[in-house]
Structures are given as C-alpha cells and as structure tokens.
Amino acid sequence: MDRTIDSVLKSRLCTGCGACIGLCPNQALELTLDHEKGIFLPKLNKEKCTRCSICYQVCAGSKIDFELLNEDIFGKKPENVILGNYLNCYTGHAADSSIRYKSASGGIVTQLLLFALEAEVIDGALVARMKRNDPLKPECFIAKTKNEIIEASGSRYCPVPTNVLIRKIVDDDGRFAVVGLPCHIHGVRKAELINKKLKEKIVLHLGLFCHHVPSFHATELLLQRLGIRKNEIAELQYRGEGWPGSMKILLKGGAKKTLPYQRCWDFLGLDFFIPARCLVCSDGLNELADLSCGDAWLPEFSNDSLGTSILLSRNNVSEGLLKKAVLAGRLELDSIPPQKVIQSQLGMLYFKKNVETRIRWLRRKIEYSNSLEPSASDYLYSLFVCMANYIFSKQALRQRLGLLPMEVFYAYAFARNMFARKERIRRVACI
C-alpha cells in the first residue's frame, strides 16, 4: 500500500488543508493550485521523498477516526452524533461593536483571540486573510499583534491551506492558537498525535462551522456574472460590515461594488462548486475543536444588523477562556439549549450527517462514526447533489454557467433547499 499523499490524491480525498506540507521532514511536498479543479493540492517530489509516511499519517482526507481522536482530546466518545462532545452552548458577540460589525457573525473568534493575546494565553494565532497583491487568493500567516488579528476577521469563501504553517509553529517560540475549518482542525489534531512539540505549542483550537468550501471557480464565475475583471480588483471582502453582511469588491479605479450576503452565498454555495472531498465530509460543527463557532441563524436574531454567533464550548480550555473574557467585559454570552444549535444549522447538518449516501454514490473508501444511517429519500437528495456537482465539474459546461442569468442560480438554490426541507427537519431536528 502506498502510504504517501499520492494515494490520497488518486482517491480524490485530499482536503487541501496543507498539513502534509507543514510536517514533511524533507520538504518533499509543495503547494500547487490545480486550475482545473479550482483548489489547492500538494505535489510530491519523489526524489526527496523517503516514504516516512508522515504526510499520510497527518492527512485530514485519508481517514478521520473520530472515536480515537475524541478519546485523545476529550477523554470520551461523544454521546451526541449531531453535536459531538461539548460542555455548553451559547449565543453571543464581541462587546466591541467595531469588531462585531467588521466580522462575519458576532466577532467571537476575533475578540477571543485578542483577549487571549492580551492575557498572554497565546503569543500568536494561525489565521488567514486575502493577499494584498493578489486579492482573490488567501494568505495564511501567524498573527502576533492586535492589528494583524483584526486583519484576519471575516469569512473567506475559497480554499485556504492553513496547515502549511504548522511547521512554523513547531519552530517558533511561544504558545499559539489555530483558527480553521473542520478539515484544518482534523489535520492539526492528527499532526499532534505524532508531533508532541506541536501539541504542546497549540493551546487553543478555534473551529468554524462549515457546509463546504467553494472552489476558486465559484468566485471567478460570480465576478464574471457581475461584469468584473480579475485584474480590476484591488480588494475583495466576502463578508463584513454588519450582519448578515455583504460581499464588497473595491476596484483599482476607486469604485466599489457590493452584493448582499444571501445573493453571494446563493451562488458561491451552489453544488456545482463543491470540491470532491467536501462532498464526503461528515463534520460541519468542527467537532474536534476546543470551541466551535458559526452564525446564529435563528428567528430571534432575524432583525440583528450587527451579528450574533452561536458557539459550543467543548472542553475546559475554551469554557475557562470564555468565562474570563466575559468577566473582563470583552464578550457578551447567553446560554442556550443544544437544540438551538441544531435549529440554527439544520440545512448544513442534514447535508453533513447524511454523508454515507454520497460516499456510496461516489464510491469513496472512507468511514465515519459520526454520521446518520440514511433513508431512501436521503439517497434521492444526495443523487441530486452529486449529479449537479459531476455535470458542472467539466470545464466546458462550467464556463456556460457564466452565461446564465443570476435568477437561474437563485431558483436552483431555492429548489434544492425546499427539496430537503421536510427531510432535514425530520431527520436532524428531532435528534
């Protein structure tokens, strides 16, 4: 058996998280942008490779043993297949209204990082921002100042290879936080199993909720639909300026174009742009993080114009830090029942927890212990998603998407959501 990252690539199970690159002892891997797929992928230099298998062991795509990792992180297997291990559930936001306004939803992660830095809990945080000289591409970096942490606030609806920098954490002095999507946190946790120095240095894992990561094709085609050339863009911000926020595009000539969040996500979030590995992921709530955070999509916040987060503290590390931040006046939190978390993320959780249907349709060799047993209607819904994704994975057909009116995409998104609405309520909300 080939125990290098090449076997993962051949199986189309690479998440593009970058963990393999970050821990390769011989620098035999480099990050490449696959223009056909619109995602980042590692490339193996076989002359440098010593077949140590470290890249395979830390891979977030090849295998995620949730039972083993939960035992290692939390000391027990989760009792709830939907939420994973957790201590408490909250809604809340940053007390600083400027941070709350600039962030995607409530500013909890940004404010918590700032508090941890000021309290000397951490010396830096592994985060991401969009490049200044190439605003359509992300840049991962270790933020060590208040301004750098604030620069990284907001969402990035494109592939981000955060874990390429975990080697820098190993080599640097100090203690660090890592902010990432589920696949990033999976890769970090697997890396910590074999690198004890990394485990000692990362003292805080902040996880973001995730339905999937749109490929770069999504943003490129959206810009095409808006009549914007890539070389005209000076800055791109996917979300921010209140809640639910808007996509903001600053042009080099000084003009600014905006697109409301819902219109933006109705396009970027389409099945056509879901990378192959995202289709077979079972973790939407970042179950292996110390603290997981996302939008509070609840009726009681429908008139909220600044943003409120919904979060799960999963261990004493995050619970203790949250309490200190509240006492210091940095965060405002309210306890909520766990059913509220499920209610706020119904669509995403239905998609994630019915992963077994897509695994079987796509014939992927991966197993999970945190998914639901599918029903016949789940298979029908997943077939709908997989067929749409496959058809428009072909470049010629994908390019034709740029010629269709935006109303076609919004109608598709509406139909897809309505198709799953009854089942997702029955299958997820009642658990």
Protein backbone atom coordinates (compact mmCIF):
# COMPACT_ATOMS: atom_id res chain seq x y z
CA MET A 1 0.00 0.00 0.00
CA ASP A 2 1.23 3.47 -0.93
CA ARG A 3 1.38 5.41 2.35
CA THR A 4 2.19 8.79 0.82
CA ILE A 5 -0.04 11.70 -0.06
CA ASP A 6 -0.09 10.45 -3.66
CA SER A 7 -2.52 7.69 -2.68
CA VAL A 8 -4.85 10.29 -1.20
CA LEU A 9 -4.69 12.41 -4.32
CA LYS A 10 -5.51 9.42 -6.52
CA SER A 11 -8.54 8.69 -4.35
CA ARG A 12 -9.69 12.33 -4.63
CA LEU A 13 -9.76 12.59 -0.85
CA CYS A 14 -7.33 15.49 -0.36
CA THR A 15 -8.87 18.41 1.56
CA GLY A 16 -6.08 20.82 0.58
CA CYS A 17 -5.57 21.68 4.27
CA GLY A 18 -1.76 21.71 3.94
CA ALA A 19 -0.90 19.55 6.98
CA CYS A 20 1.22 17.17 4.91
CA ILE A 21 3.30 20.08 3.61
CA GLY A 22 3.60 21.59 7.06
CA LEU A 23 5.10 18.47 8.64
CA CYS A 24 7.05 16.84 5.81
CA PRO A 25 10.58 16.46 7.29
CA ASN A 26 12.30 16.51 3.89
CA GLN A 27 10.37 19.34 2.22
CA ALA A 28 9.33 16.85 -0.43
CA LEU A 29 5.91 18.47 -0.87
CA GLU A 30 4.92 21.80 -2.34
CA LEU A 31 1.57 23.54 -2.59
CA THR A 32 0.11 23.85 -6.07
CA LEU A 33 -3.09 25.36 -7.43
CA ASP A 34 -4.98 22.89 -9.60
CA HIS A 35 -6.63 25.22 -12.12
CA GLU A 36 -8.93 22.50 -13.46
CA LYS A 37 -10.37 21.68 -10.01
CA GLY A 38 -10.04 25.19 -8.61
CA ILE A 39 -8.42 24.01 -5.35
CA PHE A 40 -5.02 23.74 -3.70
CA LEU A 41 -3.31 20.34 -3.82
CA PRO A 42 0.12 19.10 -2.66
CA LYS A 43 2.66 17.87 -5.18
CA LEU A 44 5.14 15.17 -4.16
CA ASN A 45 8.78 15.32 -5.21
CA LYS A 46 9.60 11.60 -5.33
CA GLU A 47 13.35 12.24 -5.39
CA LYS A 48 13.19 13.96 -1.99
CA CYS A 49 10.60 11.60 -0.52
CA THR A 50 11.93 8.97 1.92
CA ARG A 51 8.49 7.30 2.28
CA CYS A 52 8.39 8.04 6.01
CA SER A 53 4.56 8.17 5.72
CA ILE A 54 4.22 11.29 7.91
CA CYS A 55 2.24 13.03 5.15
CA TYR A 56 -0.20 10.12 5.10
CA GLN A 57 -0.48 9.94 8.88
CA VAL A 58 -1.41 13.62 9.30
CA CYS A 59 -3.70 13.71 6.26
CA ALA A 60 -7.16 15.06 7.06
CA GLY A 61 -8.56 13.45 3.93
CA SER A 62 -7.47 9.81 4.07
CA LYS A 63 -9.07 8.77 7.35
CA ILE A 64 -10.58 10.51 10.36
CA ASP A 65 -11.02 8.20 13.33
CA PHE A 66 -13.45 10.34 15.33
CA GLU A 67 -13.68 7.84 18.18
CA LEU A 68 -9.88 7.72 18.64
CA LEU A 69 -9.48 11.50 18.35
CA ASN A 70 -12.37 12.23 20.71
CA GLU A 71 -10.81 9.88 23.28
CA ASP A 72 -7.46 11.64 22.90
CA ILE A 73 -8.86 15.20 23.03
CA PHE A 74 -11.85 14.94 25.36
CA GLY A 75 -11.25 11.66 27.14
CA LYS A 76 -14.51 10.12 25.93
CA LYS A 77 -16.59 9.29 22.91
CA PRO A 78 -19.37 11.77 22.10
CA GLU A 79 -22.88 10.92 23.23
CA ASN A 80 -24.48 13.11 20.56
CA VAL A 81 -23.82 12.15 16.92
CA ILE A 82 -25.01 15.58 15.72
CA LEU A 83 -23.12 17.90 18.07
CA GLY A 84 -20.14 15.82 19.20
CA ASN A 85 -18.58 16.34 22.64
CA TYR A 86 -19.48 19.67 24.27
CA LEU A 87 -19.83 21.31 27.68
CA ASN A 88 -22.12 24.28 26.98
CA CYS A 89 -23.88 26.08 24.12
CA TYR A 90 -24.15 29.85 23.79
CA THR A 91 -25.16 32.73 21.61
CA GLY A 92 -23.11 35.88 21.89
CA HIS A 93 -20.96 38.56 20.35
CA ALA A 94 -17.94 40.77 20.91
CA ALA A 95 -18.56 43.64 23.33
CA ASP A 96 -16.58 45.91 21.00
CA SER A 97 -19.15 47.00 18.39
CA SER A 98 -16.47 47.82 15.79
CA ILE A 99 -15.10 44.26 15.92
CA ARG A 100 -18.62 42.87 15.84
CA TYR A 101 -19.51 45.00 12.80
CA LYS A 102 -16.38 44.08 10.84
CA SER A 103 -16.67 40.32 11.47
CA ALA A 104 -18.83 37.75 9.71
CA SER A 105 -21.07 36.97 12.68
CA GLY A 106 -20.65 38.47 16.10
CA GLY A 107 -16.86 38.72 16.20
CA ILE A 108 -16.48 35.99 18.86
CA VAL A 109 -13.35 34.43 17.34
CA THR A 110 -11.61 37.75 16.71
CA GLN A 111 -12.40 39.07 20.18
CA LEU A 112 -11.38 35.82 21.87
CA LEU A 113 -8.03 35.83 20.06
CA LEU A 114 -7.42 39.44 21.07
CA PHE A 115 -8.27 38.64 24.69
CA ALA A 116 -6.05 35.52 24.69
CA LEU A 117 -3.16 37.56 23.23
CA GLU A 118 -3.55 40.37 25.77
CA ALA A 119 -3.88 37.90 28.65
CA GLU A 120 -0.70 36.14 27.43
CA VAL A 121 -2.53 32.87 26.98
CA ILE A 122 -1.13 32.82 23.43
CA ASP A 123 1.77 34.53 21.67
CA GLY A 124 0.20 34.31 18.23
CA ALA A 125 -2.57 32.80 16.14
CA LEU A 126 -2.52 30.91 12.86
CA VAL A 127 -5.11 32.70 10.72
CA ALA A 128 -5.72 33.79 7.12
CA ARG A 129 -6.50 36.90 5.07
CA MET A 130 -6.71 37.72 1.38
CA LYS A 131 -3.40 38.72 -0.26
CA ARG A 132 -2.84 42.40 -0.84
CA ASN A 133 -1.10 41.86 -4.18
CA ASP A 134 -3.49 39.09 -5.32
CA PRO A 135 -6.88 39.75 -3.66
CA LEU A 136 -8.52 36.58 -4.99
CA LYS A 137 -6.04 34.30 -3.20
CA PRO A 138 -5.76 33.65 0.55
CA GLU A 139 -2.66 34.20 2.66
CA CYS A 140 -2.05 32.18 5.80
CA PHE A 141 0.07 33.79 8.50
CA ILE A 142 0.73 33.86 12.23
CA ALA A 143 -0.82 37.00 13.70
CA LYS A 144 1.06 38.38 16.70
CA THR A 145 -0.47 41.85 17.06
CA LYS A 146 -3.95 43.27 17.54
CA ASN A 147 -3.99 44.77 14.05
CA GLU A 148 -2.94 41.50 12.43
CA ILE A 149 -5.71 39.59 14.22
CA ILE A 150 -8.29 42.16 13.13
CA GLU A 151 -7.00 41.91 9.53
CA ALA A 152 -7.91 38.22 9.59
CA SER A 153 -11.52 38.75 10.72
CA GLY A 154 -14.38 37.83 8.39
CA SER A 155 -15.00 34.87 6.10
CA ARG A 156 -13.12 33.59 3.08
CA TYR A 157 -15.29 31.54 0.74
CA CYS A 158 -12.42 29.92 -1.13
CA PRO A 159 -9.81 27.20 -0.45
CA VAL A 160 -7.37 28.13 2.35
CA PRO A 161 -4.33 25.86 3.05
CA THR A 162 -3.97 26.96 6.70
CA ASN A 163 -1.93 23.99 7.87
CA VAL A 164 1.07 24.65 5.65
CA LEU A 165 2.30 26.84 8.52
CA ILE A 166 2.18 24.31 11.34
CA ARG A 167 5.92 23.78 10.83
CA LYS A 168 6.43 27.44 11.72
CA ILE A 169 4.54 26.86 14.98
CA VAL A 170 6.88 23.97 15.80
CA ASP A 171 9.94 26.10 15.08
CA ASP A 172 8.78 29.34 16.76
CA ASP A 173 8.91 30.10 20.47
CA GLY A 174 5.68 30.56 22.36
CA ARG A 175 2.14 29.22 22.52
CA PHE A 176 -0.36 29.51 19.72
CA ALA A 177 -3.99 29.36 18.70
CA VAL A 178 -5.17 27.87 15.42
CA VAL A 179 -8.33 29.04 13.66
CA GLY A 180 -9.68 26.72 11.00
CA LEU A 181 -12.45 24.83 9.29
CA PRO A 182 -13.12 21.21 10.31
CA CYS A 183 -10.56 19.81 7.84
CA HIS A 184 -7.88 22.16 9.19
CA ILE A 185 -8.59 21.15 12.77
CA HIS A 186 -8.68 17.45 11.75
CA GLY A 187 -5.21 17.81 10.21
CA VAL A 188 -3.84 19.65 13.23
CA ARG A 189 -5.22 17.08 15.67
CA LYS A 190 -3.77 14.20 13.65
CA ALA A 191 -0.43 16.01 13.46
CA GLU A 192 -0.46 16.46 17.24
CA LEU A 193 -0.74 12.69 17.67
CA ILE A 194 2.70 12.20 16.14
CA ASN A 195 4.39 15.52 17.00
CA LYS A 196 4.31 16.16 20.74
CA LYS A 197 6.05 19.51 20.39
CA LEU A 198 3.22 20.74 18.18
CA LYS A 199 0.67 19.51 20.71
CA GLU A 200 2.41 21.45 23.49
CA LYS A 201 2.58 24.66 21.46
CA ILE A 202 -1.01 24.79 20.19
CA VAL A 203 -3.03 25.65 23.30
CA LEU A 204 -6.25 26.78 21.61
CA HIS A 205 -8.14 25.31 18.65
CA LEU A 206 -10.92 27.61 17.42
CA GLY A 207 -13.17 25.90 14.89
CA LEU A 208 -15.52 27.48 12.36
CA PHE A 209 -18.76 25.85 11.20
CA CYS A 210 -18.61 24.71 7.58
CA HIS A 211 -21.05 23.42 4.95
CA HIS A 212 -18.27 23.24 2.34
CA VAL A 213 -15.51 25.37 0.84
CA PRO A 214 -16.38 26.75 -2.62
CA SER A 215 -13.66 26.22 -5.24
CA PHE A 216 -11.96 29.23 -6.79
CA HIS A 217 -14.22 28.72 -9.82
CA ALA A 218 -17.16 29.97 -7.74
CA THR A 219 -15.68 33.43 -7.12
CA GLU A 220 -14.31 33.70 -10.66
CA LEU A 221 -17.69 32.95 -12.26
CA LEU A 222 -19.53 35.24 -9.85
CA LEU A 223 -17.20 38.09 -10.80
CA GLN A 224 -17.81 37.25 -14.45
CA ARG A 225 -21.56 37.47 -13.87
CA LEU A 226 -21.06 40.86 -12.21
CA GLY A 227 -19.00 42.09 -15.16
CA ILE A 228 -15.81 42.49 -13.13
CA ARG A 229 -12.38 41.51 -14.49
CA LYS A 230 -9.92 39.97 -12.06
CA ASN A 231 -7.18 42.46 -12.92
CA GLU A 232 -9.51 45.33 -11.93
CA ILE A 233 -9.82 44.22 -8.30
CA ALA A 234 -7.88 45.98 -5.55
CA GLU A 235 -9.54 44.29 -2.59
CA LEU A 236 -12.17 41.60 -2.05
CA GLN A 237 -14.10 41.03 1.16
CA TYR A 238 -16.53 38.13 1.24
CA ARG A 239 -18.43 39.28 4.34
CA GLY A 240 -18.48 42.02 6.92
CA GLU A 241 -19.96 45.44 7.65
CA GLY A 242 -22.85 44.20 9.75
CA TRP A 243 -24.94 41.06 9.59
CA PRO A 244 -25.52 39.06 7.53
CA GLY A 245 -23.17 41.41 5.71
CA SER A 246 -22.26 41.71 2.07
CA MET A 247 -19.54 40.91 -0.41
CA LYS A 248 -17.50 44.04 -1.08
CA ILE A 249 -15.28 44.47 -4.12
CA LEU A 250 -13.02 47.52 -4.33
CA LEU A 251 -11.76 48.30 -7.83
CA LYS A 252 -8.40 49.86 -8.63
CA GLY A 253 -10.11 52.94 -10.03
CA GLY A 254 -11.74 53.60 -6.65
CA ALA A 255 -15.22 52.26 -7.42
CA LYS A 256 -16.91 49.84 -5.03
CA LYS A 257 -19.41 47.10 -5.79
CA THR A 258 -21.38 45.17 -3.19
CA LEU A 259 -23.56 42.07 -3.23
CA PRO A 260 -25.81 41.13 -0.27
CA TYR A 261 -24.61 38.04 1.60
CA GLN A 262 -27.57 35.87 0.70
CA ARG A 263 -27.21 36.61 -3.01
CA CYS A 264 -23.49 35.99 -2.75
CA TRP A 265 -23.86 32.61 -0.98
CA ASP A 266 -26.77 31.51 -3.19
CA PHE A 267 -24.18 31.48 -5.99
CA LEU A 268 -20.92 30.57 -4.22
CA GLY A 269 -22.63 27.82 -2.23
CA LEU A 270 -24.08 26.00 -5.24
CA ASP A 271 -23.46 22.27 -5.63
CA PHE A 272 -21.55 23.00 -8.85
CA PHE A 273 -18.59 24.39 -6.89
CA ILE A 274 -18.25 21.84 -4.07
CA PRO A 275 -14.78 20.19 -4.14
CA ALA A 276 -14.82 16.38 -4.29
CA ARG A 277 -13.56 15.92 -0.72
CA CYS A 278 -16.15 18.32 0.76
CA LEU A 279 -18.88 16.06 -0.62
CA VAL A 280 -17.75 13.26 1.71
CA CYS A 281 -17.16 15.19 4.94
CA SER A 282 -19.34 14.45 7.98
CA ASP A 283 -18.22 17.29 10.26
CA GLY A 284 -19.97 20.64 9.93
CA LEU A 285 -19.74 21.83 13.55
CA ASN A 286 -15.98 21.36 13.90
CA GLU A 287 -16.35 18.58 16.45
CA LEU A 288 -12.63 18.28 17.27
CA ALA A 289 -12.07 21.96 18.13
CA ASP A 290 -11.86 23.35 21.68
CA LEU A 291 -14.55 25.84 20.71
CA SER A 292 -16.79 25.80 17.63
CA CYS A 293 -18.46 28.91 16.26
CA GLY A 294 -20.81 30.00 13.46
CA ASP A 295 -23.77 32.20 12.52
CA ALA A 296 -26.83 32.22 14.79
CA TRP A 297 -29.40 31.59 12.05
CA LEU A 298 -32.35 31.75 14.42
CA PRO A 299 -35.70 33.60 14.17
CA GLU A 300 -34.97 35.65 17.29
CA PHE A 301 -31.98 37.24 15.55
CA SER A 302 -33.70 37.98 12.23
CA ASN A 303 -33.58 41.74 12.92
CA ASP A 304 -29.99 41.69 14.17
CA SER A 305 -27.93 44.03 12.00
CA LEU A 306 -24.59 43.69 13.82
CA GLY A 307 -24.21 39.92 14.13
CA THR A 308 -24.56 37.18 16.73
CA SER A 309 -22.56 33.97 16.94
CA ILE A 310 -23.68 30.56 18.09
CA LEU A 311 -20.97 28.54 19.81
CA LEU A 312 -20.17 25.31 21.60
CA SER A 313 -17.50 25.11 24.27
CA ARG A 314 -16.20 21.57 24.06
CA ASN A 315 -13.72 21.39 26.95
CA ASN A 316 -12.40 23.26 29.98
CA VAL A 317 -9.84 25.10 27.85
CA SER A 318 -12.47 27.01 25.88
CA GLU A 319 -15.01 27.19 28.73
CA GLY A 320 -12.47 28.79 31.05
CA LEU A 321 -11.33 31.29 28.45
CA LEU A 322 -14.92 32.27 27.63
CA LYS A 323 -15.73 32.92 31.27
CA LYS A 324 -12.64 35.08 31.73
CA ALA A 325 -13.44 37.07 28.57
CA VAL A 326 -17.00 37.68 29.81
CA LEU A 327 -15.76 38.81 33.25
CA ALA A 328 -13.30 41.16 31.54
CA GLY A 329 -16.15 42.70 29.56
CA ARG A 330 -14.86 41.52 26.18
CA LEU A 331 -17.70 39.12 25.31
CA GLU A 332 -21.44 39.01 25.90
CA LEU A 333 -22.87 35.47 26.09
CA ASP A 334 -26.22 33.82 26.77
CA SER A 335 -26.65 30.11 27.46
CA ILE A 336 -28.94 28.22 25.09
CA PRO A 337 -30.16 24.60 24.89
CA PRO A 338 -28.31 22.35 22.41
CA GLN A 339 -31.46 22.06 20.28
CA LYS A 340 -30.99 25.72 19.36
CA VAL A 341 -27.61 24.93 17.80
CA ILE A 342 -29.23 22.22 15.69
CA GLN A 343 -32.11 24.51 14.73
CA SER A 344 -29.73 27.24 13.60
CA GLN A 345 -27.76 24.88 11.32
CA LEU A 346 -30.44 22.48 10.06
CA GLY A 347 -29.59 22.58 6.36
CA MET A 348 -25.86 22.20 6.89
CA LEU A 349 -26.25 19.42 9.45
CA TYR A 350 -28.62 17.46 7.24
CA PHE A 351 -26.09 17.70 4.41
CA LYS A 352 -23.13 16.69 6.57
CA LYS A 353 -24.69 13.94 8.64
CA ASN A 354 -26.11 12.16 5.59
CA VAL A 355 -22.63 11.77 4.14
CA GLU A 356 -23.00 7.99 3.82
CA THR A 357 -25.31 8.47 0.82
CA ARG A 358 -22.72 10.48 -1.08
CA ILE A 359 -19.91 8.12 -0.10
CA ARG A 360 -21.85 5.27 -1.71
CA TRP A 361 -22.89 7.22 -4.81
CA LEU A 362 -19.30 8.41 -5.34
CA ARG A 363 -17.72 5.09 -4.27
CA ARG A 364 -15.20 6.65 -1.90
CA LYS A 365 -13.30 4.48 0.58
CA ILE A 366 -13.84 6.38 3.82
CA GLU A 367 -15.73 5.54 7.02
CA TYR A 368 -17.18 7.69 9.79
CA SER A 369 -18.57 7.04 13.24
CA ASN A 370 -20.38 10.40 13.43
CA SER A 371 -22.92 10.14 10.59
CA LEU A 372 -26.58 9.15 10.34
CA GLU A 373 -27.98 5.95 8.88
CA PRO A 374 -29.52 7.14 5.58
CA SER A 375 -33.11 6.71 4.42
CA ALA A 376 -34.35 6.20 0.85
CA SER A 377 -35.21 9.89 0.46
CA ASP A 378 -31.71 10.81 1.68
CA TYR A 379 -30.28 8.83 -1.22
CA LEU A 380 -32.52 10.66 -3.67
CA TYR A 381 -31.47 14.06 -2.34
CA SER A 382 -27.78 13.11 -2.44
CA LEU A 383 -28.11 11.85 -6.01
CA PHE A 384 -29.48 15.27 -6.96
CA VAL A 385 -26.43 16.96 -5.38
CA CYS A 386 -23.85 14.53 -6.79
CA MET A 387 -25.21 14.70 -10.33
CA ALA A 388 -25.20 18.51 -10.36
CA ASN A 389 -21.67 18.53 -8.99
CA TYR A 390 -20.42 15.98 -11.54
CA ILE A 391 -22.03 17.64 -14.57
CA PHE A 392 -20.51 21.03 -13.86
CA SER A 393 -17.11 19.70 -12.83
CA LYS A 394 -16.43 19.65 -16.58
CA GLN A 395 -14.75 22.88 -17.63
CA ALA A 396 -16.76 23.36 -20.83
CA LEU A 397 -20.09 23.09 -19.01
CA ARG A 398 -18.87 25.10 -16.04
CA GLN A 399 -17.97 28.03 -18.27
CA ARG A 400 -21.52 28.09 -19.58
CA LEU A 401 -22.71 28.88 -16.08
CA GLY A 402 -21.29 32.34 -16.58
CA LEU A 403 -23.77 32.95 -19.39
CA LEU A 404 -26.91 32.19 -17.37
CA PRO A 405 -28.97 34.88 -15.61
CA MET A 406 -28.41 35.10 -11.85
CA GLU A 407 -32.10 34.32 -11.30
CA VAL A 408 -31.47 30.77 -12.57
CA PHE A 409 -28.96 30.13 -9.78
CA TYR A 410 -31.21 31.62 -7.11
CA ALA A 411 -34.08 29.43 -8.33
CA TYR A 412 -31.84 26.34 -8.20
CA ALA A 413 -30.74 27.16 -4.63
CA PHE A 414 -34.35 27.66 -3.58
CA ALA A 415 -35.47 24.37 -5.18
CA ARG A 416 -32.61 22.44 -3.59
CA ASN A 417 -33.43 23.79 -0.12
CA MET A 418 -37.13 23.08 -0.49
CA PHE A 419 -36.37 19.55 -1.67
CA ALA A 420 -34.54 18.79 1.57
CA ARG A 421 -36.60 20.89 3.98
CA LYS A 422 -39.08 18.26 5.15
CA GLU A 423 -36.48 15.52 5.48
CA ARG A 424 -33.87 17.63 7.26
CA ILE A 425 -36.40 18.66 9.91
CA ARG A 426 -37.50 15.08 10.46
CA ARG A 427 -34.01 13.56 10.35
CA VAL A 428 -31.95 16.11 12.25
CA ALA A 429 -34.09 18.39 14.39
CA CYS A 430 -35.70 15.54 16.34
CA ILE A 431 -32.37 14.02 17.44
